[in-house]
């Protein structure tokens, strides 16, 4: 039987047959040849000349460095869901421009169905609210910036 299978494989290769069935008595075996994967090569013409009417754009020699946020971050002490108000429809604990005192609640984090108050660690002004209400935050995520 092995010789017949080898002969069938050789015939399939020689004549480019993709599928063949070998029958012997009540038994049959079907062989299918998988198509070879072909690599597609795409090329594009690159020119040093701009297209007519198009100016050259030069990349900056130095990569742009994002400006570091100003202020002291208030970070999340745990993983959970951040809320900036005590209940839906209530005014937020603080908004940008508000003055806060050390120990004042600036938000809540819900973790395992428990609401944990987030106190301000210092006196200052809320420069930016980074986390949105209902946002999932991780330990150490910046919630607010105080200046």
Protein backbone atom coordinates (compact mmCIF):
# COMPACT_ATOMS: atom_id res chain seq x y z
CA UNK A 1 0.00 0.00 0.00
CA UNK A 2 2.88 2.39 0.81
CA UNK A 3 4.25 1.98 -2.70
CA UNK A 4 0.87 2.90 -4.20
CA UNK A 5 0.62 6.01 -1.99
CA UNK A 6 4.14 7.10 -2.99
CA UNK A 7 3.31 6.53 -6.66
CA UNK A 8 0.06 8.51 -6.32
CA UNK A 9 1.92 11.41 -4.65
CA UNK A 10 4.50 11.41 -7.45
CA UNK A 11 1.75 11.46 -10.12
CA UNK A 12 -0.05 14.31 -8.33
CA UNK A 13 3.16 16.34 -8.28
CA UNK A 14 4.05 15.52 -11.90
CA UNK A 15 0.65 16.45 -13.35
CA UNK A 16 -0.27 19.23 -10.92
CA UNK A 17 -3.29 17.39 -9.54
CA UNK A 18 -4.65 18.97 -6.35
CA UNK A 19 -6.82 16.05 -5.17
CA UNK A 20 -6.83 12.29 -5.73
CA UNK A 21 -8.57 9.29 -4.17
CA UNK A 22 -6.98 5.85 -3.80
CA UNK A 23 -9.46 2.96 -3.45
CA UNK A 24 -8.62 -0.56 -2.39
CA UNK A 25 -11.58 -2.83 -1.76
CA UNK A 26 -14.06 -1.15 0.57
CA UNK A 27 -11.46 1.35 1.79
CA UNK A 28 -10.53 4.65 0.21
CA UNK A 29 -8.12 7.44 1.05
CA UNK A 30 -8.37 10.96 -0.37
CA UNK A 31 -5.28 13.15 -0.72
CA UNK A 32 -5.49 16.91 -1.07
CA UNK A 33 -2.53 19.06 -1.92
CA UNK A 34 -2.42 22.37 -0.09
CA UNK A 35 -1.64 25.36 -2.24
CA UNK A 36 1.72 26.89 -1.48
CA UNK A 37 1.60 30.17 0.37
CA UNK A 38 2.92 32.92 -1.81
CA UNK A 39 4.45 36.07 -0.51
CA UNK A 40 3.02 39.25 -1.87
CA UNK A 41 5.58 41.92 -2.44
CA UNK A 42 4.39 45.45 -2.71
CA UNK A 43 6.65 48.18 -3.81
CA UNK A 44 6.12 51.86 -3.98
CA UNK A 45 8.04 54.37 -5.94
CA UNK A 46 9.77 56.86 -3.71
CA UNK A 47 10.90 60.14 -5.08
CA UNK A 48 13.05 62.86 -3.59
CA UNK A 49 11.04 65.37 -5.56
CA UNK A 50 7.72 66.66 -4.20
CA UNK A 51 4.64 66.23 -6.32
CA UNK A 52 3.72 69.34 -8.20
CA UNK A 53 2.14 71.83 -5.81
CA UNK A 54 3.13 69.81 -2.73
CA UNK A 55 5.80 71.23 -0.42
CA UNK A 56 8.46 69.08 1.17
CA UNK A 57 7.77 68.21 4.79
CA UNK A 58 10.86 67.79 6.91
CA UNK A 59 10.82 65.89 10.16
CA UNK A 60 12.26 67.61 13.17
CA UNK A 61 15.74 66.46 14.10
CA UNK A 62 14.65 66.20 17.74
CA UNK A 63 11.62 64.16 18.74
CA UNK A 64 8.83 66.13 20.36
CA UNK A 65 8.82 65.69 24.11
CA UNK A 66 5.41 66.00 25.72
CA UNK A 67 5.28 68.75 28.31
CA UNK A 68 5.17 67.39 31.84
CA UNK A 69 1.89 68.20 33.57
CA UNK A 70 2.15 70.97 36.12
CA UNK A 71 0.95 70.44 39.66
CA UNK A 72 1.00 67.71 42.25
CA UNK A 73 -0.93 64.60 41.25
CA UNK A 74 -3.54 63.07 43.51
CA UNK A 75 -3.29 59.37 42.69
CA UNK A 76 -5.58 56.43 43.23
CA UNK A 77 -4.70 54.37 46.31
CA UNK A 78 -6.36 51.27 44.80
CA UNK A 79 -7.95 49.73 41.71
CA UNK A 80 -11.61 50.61 41.28
CA UNK A 81 -14.12 52.98 39.71
CA UNK A 82 -13.60 56.72 40.23
CA UNK A 83 -16.52 59.02 41.00
CA UNK A 84 -16.18 62.79 41.31
CA UNK A 85 -19.53 63.25 43.11
CA UNK A 86 -21.21 61.61 46.11
CA UNK A 87 -24.17 60.42 44.00
CA UNK A 88 -25.45 60.66 40.42
CA UNK A 89 -26.84 64.12 39.75
CA UNK A 90 -25.01 65.66 42.71
CA UNK A 91 -22.47 68.41 42.16
CA UNK A 92 -18.86 67.18 42.02
CA UNK A 93 -16.70 67.27 45.13
CA UNK A 94 -14.30 69.63 43.32
CA UNK A 95 -13.95 71.13 39.85
CA UNK A 96 -11.08 72.76 38.02
CA UNK A 97 -10.26 76.09 39.65
CA UNK A 98 -11.65 75.13 43.09
CA UNK A 99 -9.51 75.68 46.19
CA UNK A 100 -9.05 72.54 48.32
CA UNK A 101 -7.78 72.00 51.84
CA UNK A 102 -5.64 69.07 52.97
CA UNK A 103 -7.95 66.22 54.00
CA UNK A 104 -10.90 67.49 51.91
CA UNK A 105 -12.65 64.73 49.93
CA UNK A 106 -11.98 65.18 46.21
CA UNK A 107 -13.52 61.94 44.93
CA UNK A 108 -14.60 58.38 45.64
CA UNK A 109 -13.28 55.04 44.47
CA UNK A 110 -15.62 52.08 44.46
CA UNK A 111 -13.82 48.81 45.09
CA UNK A 112 -15.69 45.59 45.85
CA UNK A 113 -18.98 47.51 46.41
CA UNK A 114 -17.31 49.75 49.03
CA UNK A 115 -16.95 53.49 48.41
CA UNK A 116 -13.62 54.88 49.61
CA UNK A 117 -13.14 58.63 50.03
CA UNK A 118 -10.09 60.16 48.37
CA UNK A 119 -8.73 63.06 50.46
CA UNK A 120 -6.52 65.84 49.14
CA UNK A 121 -3.01 65.45 50.56
CA UNK A 122 -2.37 69.21 50.46
CA UNK A 123 -3.86 72.68 50.23
CA UNK A 124 -4.07 74.14 46.75
CA UNK A 125 -6.12 74.73 43.63
CA UNK A 126 -7.47 72.02 41.33
CA UNK A 127 -5.55 72.54 38.09
CA UNK A 128 -6.98 69.62 36.13
CA UNK A 129 -9.42 66.74 36.56
CA UNK A 130 -7.66 63.82 34.87
CA UNK A 131 -10.00 60.91 35.64
CA UNK A 132 -13.62 61.07 34.52
CA UNK A 133 -16.47 59.94 36.72
CA UNK A 134 -17.25 56.26 36.14
CA UNK A 135 -13.75 55.59 34.80
CA UNK A 136 -11.95 52.43 35.88
CA UNK A 137 -8.67 53.45 37.52
CA UNK A 138 -5.68 51.44 38.65
CA UNK A 139 -3.46 51.82 41.67
CA UNK A 140 -1.30 54.92 41.17
CA UNK A 141 -3.42 56.43 38.36
CA UNK A 142 -3.58 60.23 38.44
CA UNK A 143 -7.05 61.47 39.39
CA UNK A 144 -6.48 65.23 39.77
CA UNK A 145 -3.65 67.75 39.58
CA UNK A 146 -3.36 70.22 42.46
CA UNK A 147 -1.23 73.36 42.28
